[in-house]
C-alpha atoms as a PDB file:
ATOM      1  CA  MET A   1      55.780 -58.264  10.717  1.00  0.00           C
ATOM      2  CA  LYS A   2      58.158 -61.050  11.692  1.00  0.00           C
ATOM      3  CA  PRO A   3      56.771 -64.596  11.345  1.00  0.00           C
ATOM      4  CA  HIS A   4      56.531 -65.116  15.109  1.00  0.00           C
ATOM      5  CA  GLU A   5      54.591 -61.978  15.604  1.00  0.00           C
ATOM      6  CA  PHE A   6      51.473 -63.138  13.800  1.00  0.00           C
ATOM      7  CA  TRP A   7      48.421 -64.428  15.715  1.00  0.00           C
ATOM      8  CA  GLN A   8      49.498 -62.682  18.918  1.00  0.00           C
ATOM      9  CA  ASP A   9      47.392 -59.570  19.142  1.00  0.00           C
ATOM     10  CA  LEU A  10      43.815 -58.494  18.609  1.00  0.00           C
ATOM     11  CA  HIS A  11      43.403 -54.970  17.370  1.00  0.00           C
ATOM     12  CA  GLU A  12      40.722 -52.388  17.917  1.00  0.00           C
ATOM     13  CA  PRO A  13      37.800 -52.244  15.460  1.00  0.00           C
ATOM     14  CA  ASP A  14      38.531 -50.535  12.125  1.00  0.00           C
ATOM     15  CA  SER A  15      42.304 -50.684  12.649  1.00  0.00           C
ATOM     16  CA  PHE A  16      42.684 -52.138   9.131  1.00  0.00           C
ATOM     17  CA  SER A  17      40.621 -51.983   5.973  1.00  0.00           C
ATOM     18  CA  GLU A  18      39.628 -55.418   4.604  1.00  0.00           C
ATOM     19  CA  GLY A  19      39.418 -54.010   1.045  1.00  0.00           C
ATOM     20  CA  GLY A  20      42.080 -53.181  -1.474  1.00  0.00           C
ATOM     21  CA  THR A  21      45.454 -54.709  -2.135  1.00  0.00           C
ATOM     22  CA  LYS A  22      47.163 -56.408   0.779  1.00  0.00           C
ATOM     23  CA  VAL A  23      50.879 -56.726   1.310  1.00  0.00           C
ATOM     24  CA  GLY A  24      52.295 -58.970   4.027  1.00  0.00           C
ATOM     25  CA  PHE A  25      49.093 -59.646   5.967  1.00  0.00           C
ATOM     26  CA  TYR A  26      45.279 -59.968   5.610  1.00  0.00           C
ATOM     27  CA  PRO A  27      43.090 -58.563   8.341  1.00  0.00           C
ATOM     28  CA  VAL A  28      39.949 -60.360   9.510  1.00  0.00           C
ATOM     29  CA  THR A  29      37.223 -58.888  11.697  1.00  0.00           C
ATOM     30  CA  LEU A  30      35.562 -60.883  14.544  1.00  0.00           C
ATOM     31  CA  ASP A  31      31.924 -60.512  15.463  1.00  0.00           C
ATOM     32  CA  ASP A  32      32.771 -57.986  18.223  1.00  0.00           C
ATOM     33  CA  GLY A  33      34.664 -55.815  15.744  1.00  0.00           C
ATOM     34  CA  ARG A  34      38.199 -56.636  16.908  1.00  0.00           C
ATOM     35  CA  GLN A  35      40.702 -57.491  14.132  1.00  0.00           C
ATOM     36  CA  LEU A  36      43.363 -60.114  13.697  1.00  0.00           C
ATOM     37  CA  ARG A  37      46.216 -59.971  11.189  1.00  0.00           C
ATOM     38  CA  LEU A  38      46.936 -63.193   9.309  1.00  0.00           C
ATOM     39  CA  PRO A  39      50.087 -63.880   7.150  1.00  0.00           C
ATOM     40  CA  ILE A  40      49.548 -64.331   3.481  1.00  0.00           C
ATOM     41  CA  ARG A  41      50.864 -67.611   2.041  1.00  0.00           C
ATOM     42  CA  PRO A  42      51.317 -67.752  -1.784  1.00  0.00           C
ATOM     43  CA  LEU A  43      50.175 -70.905  -3.489  1.00  0.00           C
ATOM     44  CA  SER A  44      52.373 -73.000  -5.863  1.00  0.00           C
ATOM     45  CA  ASP A  45      50.843 -71.407  -8.997  1.00  0.00           C
ATOM     46  CA  GLY A  46      52.272 -67.957  -7.933  1.00  0.00           C
ATOM     47  CA  ASP A  47      49.020 -66.278  -8.838  1.00  0.00           C
ATOM     48  CA  HIS A  48      47.000 -67.042  -5.774  1.00  0.00           C
ATOM     49  CA  ALA A  49      47.431 -67.055  -2.037  1.00  0.00           C
ATOM     50  CA  LEU A  50      45.597 -67.826   1.210  1.00  0.00           C
ATOM     51  CA  ALA A  51      45.502 -66.209   4.653  1.00  0.00           C
ATOM     52  CA  SER A  52      47.033 -68.559   7.200  1.00  0.00           C
ATOM     53  CA  LEU A  53      46.238 -69.445  10.823  1.00  0.00           C
ATOM     54  CA  ILE A  54      48.319 -71.823  12.980  1.00  0.00           C
ATOM     55  CA  ILE A  55      46.234 -71.852  16.077  1.00  0.00           C
ATOM     56  CA  ASN A  56      48.742 -73.595  18.397  1.00  0.00           C
ATOM     57  CA  GLN A  57      51.180 -70.683  17.744  1.00  0.00           C
ATOM     58  CA  ALA A  58      48.573 -68.088  18.669  1.00  0.00           C
ATOM     59  CA  SER A  59      48.613 -66.194  21.992  1.00  0.00           C
ATOM     60  CA  PHE A  60      46.261 -67.404  24.684  1.00  0.00           C
ATOM     61  CA  THR A  61      44.379 -64.153  24.157  1.00  0.00           C
ATOM     62  CA  VAL A  62      43.726 -64.859  20.448  1.00  0.00           C
ATOM     63  CA  LEU A  63      42.977 -68.523  21.115  1.00  0.00           C
ATOM     64  CA  GLY A  64      40.489 -67.544  23.854  1.00  0.00           C
ATOM     65  CA  ALA A  65      38.743 -65.036  21.655  1.00  0.00           C
ATOM     66  CA  LEU A  66      38.356 -67.552  18.809  1.00  0.00           C
ATOM     67  CA  ALA A  67      37.130 -70.294  21.200  1.00  0.00           C
ATOM     68  CA  ASP A  68      34.606 -67.814  22.757  1.00  0.00           C
ATOM     69  CA  ASN A  69      33.319 -66.888  19.303  1.00  0.00           C
ATOM     70  CA  LEU A  70      32.981 -70.378  18.081  1.00  0.00           C
ATOM     71  CA  ALA A  71      31.439 -71.745  21.276  1.00  0.00           C
ATOM     72  CA  ALA A  72      28.753 -69.026  21.137  1.00  0.00           C
ATOM     73  CA  LYS A  73      27.926 -70.129  17.543  1.00  0.00           C
ATOM     74  CA  LEU A  74      27.813 -73.841  18.500  1.00  0.00           C
ATOM     75  CA  LYS A  75      25.718 -73.351  21.671  1.00  0.00           C
ATOM     76  CA  SER A  76      22.367 -73.310  19.865  1.00  0.00           C
ATOM     77  CA  PHE A  77      23.035 -76.779  18.529  1.00  0.00           C
ATOM     78  CA  GLU A  78      23.230 -78.017  22.153  1.00  0.00           C
ATOM     79  CA  PRO A  79      26.224 -80.319  21.604  1.00  0.00           C
ATOM     80  CA  ASP A  80      26.702 -82.921  24.436  1.00  0.00           C
ATOM     81  CA  VAL A  81      30.294 -83.675  23.393  1.00  0.00           C
ATOM     82  CA  VAL A  82      32.998 -82.116  21.273  1.00  0.00           C
ATOM     83  CA  VAL A  83      35.208 -84.195  18.991  1.00  0.00           C
ATOM     84  CA  GLY A  84      38.557 -82.683  17.838  1.00  0.00           C
ATOM     85  CA  LEU A  85      40.505 -83.380  14.710  1.00  0.00           C
ATOM     86  CA  PRO A  86      44.273 -83.670  14.828  1.00  0.00           C
ATOM     87  CA  THR A  87      46.516 -82.032  14.997  1.00  0.00           C
ATOM     88  CA  LEU A  88      45.740 -78.329  15.388  1.00  0.00           C
ATOM     89  CA  GLY A  89      41.980 -78.908  15.771  1.00  0.00           C
ATOM     90  CA  LEU A  90      42.637 -80.472  19.172  1.00  0.00           C
ATOM     91  CA  THR A  91      43.886 -77.164  20.560  1.00  0.00           C
ATOM     92  CA  LEU A  92      40.641 -75.439  19.561  1.00  0.00           C
ATOM     93  CA  ALA A  93      38.349 -78.305  20.429  1.00  0.00           C
ATOM     94  CA  SER A  94      39.519 -78.459  24.053  1.00  0.00           C
ATOM     95  CA  GLU A  95      38.997 -74.726  24.610  1.00  0.00           C
ATOM     96  CA  VAL A  96      35.561 -74.789  22.984  1.00  0.00           C
ATOM     97  CA  ALA A  97      34.504 -77.787  25.073  1.00  0.00           C
ATOM     98  CA  ARG A  98      35.482 -75.828  28.212  1.00  0.00           C
ATOM     99  CA  ARG A  99      33.395 -72.864  27.160  1.00  0.00           C
ATOM    100  CA  LEU A 100      30.382 -75.110  26.435  1.00  0.00           C
ATOM    101  CA  GLY A 101      30.563 -76.354  30.092  1.00  0.00           C
ATOM    102  CA  HIS A 102      31.907 -79.790  29.264  1.00  0.00           C
ATOM    103  CA  SER A 103      34.328 -81.612  31.547  1.00  0.00           C
ATOM    104  CA  ARG A 104      36.157 -83.281  28.624  1.00  0.00           C
ATOM    105  CA  TYR A 105      36.323 -83.726  24.905  1.00  0.00           C
ATOM    106  CA  VAL A 106      37.107 -86.632  22.573  1.00  0.00           C
ATOM    107  CA  PRO A 107      40.316 -86.266  20.501  1.00  0.00           C
ATOM    108  CA  LEU A 108      40.737 -88.215  17.276  1.00  0.00           C
ATOM    109  CA  GLY A 109      44.275 -89.225  16.406  1.00  0.00           C
ATOM    110  CA  THR A 110      46.796 -90.210  13.748  1.00  0.00           C
ATOM    111  CA  SER A 111      48.982 -92.297  16.038  1.00  0.00           C
ATOM    112  CA  ARG A 112      47.711 -95.865  16.364  1.00  0.00           C
ATOM    113  CA  LYS A 113      47.676 -97.373  19.828  1.00  0.00           C
ATOM    114  CA  PHE A 114      47.908-101.153  20.059  1.00  0.00           C
ATOM    115  CA  TRP A 115      44.227-101.442  21.135  1.00  0.00           C
ATOM    116  CA  TYR A 116      42.913 -99.408  18.246  1.00  0.00           C
ATOM    117  CA  LEU A 117      40.822-101.131  15.554  1.00  0.00           C
ATOM    118  CA  GLU A 118      41.731-100.859  11.901  1.00  0.00           C
ATOM    119  CA  GLU A 119      38.049-100.820  10.941  1.00  0.00           C
ATOM    120  CA  LEU A 120      37.693 -97.669  13.019  1.00  0.00           C
ATOM    121  CA  SER A 121      40.140 -95.686  10.917  1.00  0.00           C
ATOM    122  CA  VAL A 122      40.057 -93.845   7.592  1.00  0.00           C
ATOM    123  CA  PRO A 123      42.758 -92.300   5.322  1.00  0.00           C
ATOM    124  CA  MET A 124      43.486 -88.640   6.040  1.00  0.00           C
ATOM    125  CA  SER A 125      45.508 -85.825   4.379  1.00  0.00           C
ATOM    126  CA  SER A 126      45.382 -82.080   4.517  1.00  0.00           C
ATOM    127  CA  ILE A 127      46.400 -79.033   2.455  1.00  0.00           C
ATOM    128  CA  THR A 128      49.338 -78.348   4.761  1.00  0.00           C
ATOM    129  CA  THR A 129      50.590 -81.928   5.175  1.00  0.00           C
ATOM    130  CA  LYS A 130      50.516 -83.846   1.847  1.00  0.00           C
ATOM    131  CA  GLN A 131      51.686 -87.054   3.546  1.00  0.00           C
ATOM    132  CA  GLU A 132      48.651 -89.421   3.883  1.00  0.00           C
ATOM    133  CA  LYS A 133      47.977 -90.828   7.339  1.00  0.00           C
ATOM    134  CA  ARG A 134      45.233 -92.675   8.924  1.00  0.00           C
ATOM    135  CA  LEU A 135      42.733 -91.122  11.306  1.00  0.00           C
ATOM    136  CA  TYR A 136      41.728 -93.179  14.326  1.00  0.00           C
ATOM    137  CA  ILE A 137      39.128 -93.079  17.106  1.00  0.00           C
ATOM    138  CA  ASP A 138      39.915 -94.771  20.399  1.00  0.00           C
ATOM    139  CA  PRO A 139      37.223 -97.495  20.654  1.00  0.00           C
ATOM    140  CA  ARG A 140      37.085 -96.892  24.435  1.00  0.00           C
ATOM    141  CA  MET A 141      35.740 -93.447  23.724  1.00  0.00           C
ATOM    142  CA  LEU A 142      32.718 -94.609  21.726  1.00  0.00           C
ATOM    143  CA  PRO A 143      30.368 -94.814  24.696  1.00  0.00           C
ATOM    144  CA  LEU A 144      30.911 -91.049  25.198  1.00  0.00           C
ATOM    145  CA  LEU A 145      29.496 -90.473  21.673  1.00  0.00           C
ATOM    146  CA  GLU A 146      26.739 -92.989  21.262  1.00  0.00           C
ATOM    147  CA  GLY A 147      23.297 -91.375  21.233  1.00  0.00           C
ATOM    148  CA  GLN A 148      24.870 -87.928  21.893  1.00  0.00           C
ATOM    149  CA  ARG A 149      24.751 -84.609  20.058  1.00  0.00           C
ATOM    150  CA  VAL A 150      28.295 -84.314  18.692  1.00  0.00           C
ATOM    151  CA  ALA A 151      30.189 -81.238  17.457  1.00  0.00           C
ATOM    152  CA  LEU A 152      33.153 -82.042  15.213  1.00  0.00           C
ATOM    153  CA  ILE A 153      35.874 -79.345  15.371  1.00  0.00           C
ATOM    154  CA  ASP A 154      38.990 -78.504  13.293  1.00  0.00           C
ATOM    155  CA  ASP A 155      41.100 -75.420  13.411  1.00  0.00           C
ATOM    156  CA  VAL A 156      40.770 -74.510   9.687  1.00  0.00           C
ATOM    157  CA  ILE A 157      38.522 -75.889   6.970  1.00  0.00           C
ATOM    158  CA  SER A 158      40.126 -75.317   3.539  1.00  0.00           C
ATOM    159  CA  SER A 159      39.864 -78.068   0.952  1.00  0.00           C
ATOM    160  CA  GLY A 160      37.580 -80.088   3.204  1.00  0.00           C
ATOM    161  CA  THR A 161      39.642 -83.243   3.172  1.00  0.00           C
ATOM    162  CA  SER A 162      40.271 -83.356   6.937  1.00  0.00           C
ATOM    163  CA  ILE A 163      36.680 -82.721   7.751  1.00  0.00           C
ATOM    164  CA  LEU A 164      35.553 -85.390   5.299  1.00  0.00           C
ATOM    165  CA  ALA A 165      37.883 -87.870   6.943  1.00  0.00           C
ATOM    166  CA  GLY A 166      36.389 -86.975  10.389  1.00  0.00           C
ATOM    167  CA  LEU A 167      32.829 -87.372   9.113  1.00  0.00           C
ATOM    168  CA  SER A 168      33.661 -90.716   7.447  1.00  0.00           C
ATOM    169  CA  LEU A 169      35.245 -92.039  10.676  1.00  0.00           C
ATOM    170  CA  LEU A 170      32.380 -90.944  12.864  1.00  0.00           C
ATOM    171  CA  GLN A 171      29.894 -92.425  10.331  1.00  0.00           C
ATOM    172  CA  ALA A 172      31.799 -95.735  10.542  1.00  0.00           C
ATOM    173  CA  SER A 173      31.247 -95.554  14.269  1.00  0.00           C
ATOM    174  CA  GLY A 174      27.567 -94.840  13.883  1.00  0.00           C
ATOM    175  CA  ILE A 175      27.870 -91.174  14.833  1.00  0.00           C
ATOM    176  CA  GLU A 176      26.458 -88.162  12.978  1.00  0.00           C
ATOM    177  CA  PRO A 177      27.594 -84.792  14.168  1.00  0.00           C
ATOM    178  CA  VAL A 178      24.883 -82.058  14.599  1.00  0.00           C
ATOM    179  CA  VAL A 179      27.393 -79.307  13.775  1.00  0.00           C
ATOM    180  CA  ILE A 180      30.873 -78.771  12.366  1.00  0.00           C
ATOM    181  CA  GLY A 181      33.021 -75.997  13.844  1.00  0.00           C
ATOM    182  CA  ALA A 182      36.256 -74.232  12.906  1.00  0.00           C
ATOM    183  CA  ALA A 183      38.196 -71.068  13.738  1.00  0.00           C
ATOM    184  CA  MET A 184      38.599 -70.168  10.039  1.00  0.00           C
ATOM    185  CA  LEU A 185      36.933 -71.099   6.732  1.00  0.00           C
ATOM    186  CA  GLN A 186      39.719 -70.699   4.253  1.00  0.00           C
ATOM    187  CA  SER A 187      38.190 -69.823   0.846  1.00  0.00           C
ATOM    188  CA  GLU A 188      35.087 -71.664  -0.405  1.00  0.00           C
ATOM    189  CA  ARG A 189      36.763 -74.828  -1.751  1.00  0.00           C
ATOM    190  CA  TRP A 190      35.517 -76.897   1.173  1.00  0.00           C
ATOM    191  CA  ARG A 191      31.883 -76.258   0.316  1.00  0.00           C
ATOM    192  CA  ASP A 192      31.716 -78.415  -2.819  1.00  0.00           C
ATOM    193  CA  ALA A 193      33.595 -81.241  -1.117  1.00  0.00           C
ATOM    194  CA  LEU A 194      31.044 -81.399   1.753  1.00  0.00           C
ATOM    195  CA  GLU A 195      28.149 -80.880  -0.718  1.00  0.00           C
ATOM    196  CA  ARG A 196      29.235 -83.990  -2.654  1.00  0.00           C
ATOM    197  CA  LEU A 197      29.145 -86.082   0.558  1.00  0.00           C
ATOM    198  CA  ASP A 198      25.658 -84.738   1.501  1.00  0.00           C
ATOM    199  CA  PRO A 199      24.005 -81.315   0.837  1.00  0.00           C
ATOM    200  CA  LYS A 200      23.166 -81.030   4.528  1.00  0.00           C
ATOM    201  CA  TRP A 201      26.827 -80.709   5.622  1.00  0.00           C
ATOM    202  CA  PRO A 202      27.602 -77.176   4.365  1.00  0.00           C
ATOM    203  CA  THR A 203      24.540 -75.944   6.298  1.00  0.00           C
ATOM    204  CA  ARG A 204      25.916 -77.374   9.505  1.00  0.00           C
ATOM    205  CA  VAL A 205      29.313 -75.495   9.337  1.00  0.00           C
ATOM    206  CA  ARG A 206      30.051 -72.637  11.708  1.00  0.00           C
ATOM    207  CA  ALA A 207      33.281 -70.645  12.097  1.00  0.00           C
ATOM    208  CA  ALA A 208      34.665 -67.628  13.923  1.00  0.00           C
ATOM    209  CA  PHE A 209      35.594 -66.015  10.549  1.00  0.00           C
ATOM    210  CA  SER A 210      36.223 -66.751   6.846  1.00  0.00           C
ATOM    211  CA  THR A 211      38.940 -65.664   4.438  1.00  0.00           C
ATOM    212  CA  PRO A 212      38.928 -65.544   0.590  1.00  0.00           C
ATOM    213  CA  LEU A 213      41.169 -66.923  -2.013  1.00  0.00           C
ATOM    214  CA  LEU A 214      43.544 -64.037  -2.881  1.00  0.00           C
ATOM    215  CA  ARG A 215      44.921 -63.299  -6.274  1.00  0.00           C
ATOM    216  CA  LYS A 216      48.137 -61.465  -7.328  1.00  0.00           C
ATOM    217  CA  ASN A 217      47.801 -57.762  -7.909  1.00  0.00           C
ATOM    218  CA  GLY A 218      51.063 -56.059  -8.607  1.00  0.00           C
ATOM    219  CA  ASP A 219      53.281 -56.354  -5.527  1.00  0.00           C
ATOM    220  CA  GLY A 220      50.357 -57.491  -3.343  1.00  0.00           C
ATOM    221  CA  TRP A 221      47.194 -59.497  -3.164  1.00  0.00           C
ATOM    222  CA  ILE A 222      43.591 -58.703  -3.625  1.00  0.00           C
END
């Protein structure tokens, strides 16, 4: 597949086997049986790789299916408001909020407006962007969150650093999310990071699908 062809189509159930050695793409299966092909990205050690999802490059069909899936899993938590993490988590958060019947959502950001407060910010980095930034919440949005059941959403949870930043920022604002949502859980590395913060957090995570850490196997990955 060409790079721009990924994340565009959902395939019929059982189109691809999830077992065995994979070359070029890794297939994941949604709850309704449909499958999505994800590109495989080798890690710097050369021996391991991860399946990749860039949700703002996905077709509206794929984005809609992932948002439908995640919203259904978050519904039982009865969130009053959805908070989205930048940058790609904002794309998913807005769609999930719509499906939960909300009229808006609250985006966090890494661009500081002049009225933002430094004490309402935390350092932030991610696996895909090594440059450290600061994560901010618009203080004017706090009345939307106070005393509400909050869902914190990112596109992908991998190392857990972005979610930890979001949790820390909300905690500084006196907010504790009732659930954490993502389109993809990328390996299991995030679990230990959230466990160290508080054992309750891994139990509050929901996602449309999860993918493993892949290892080199000949000309492919397993």
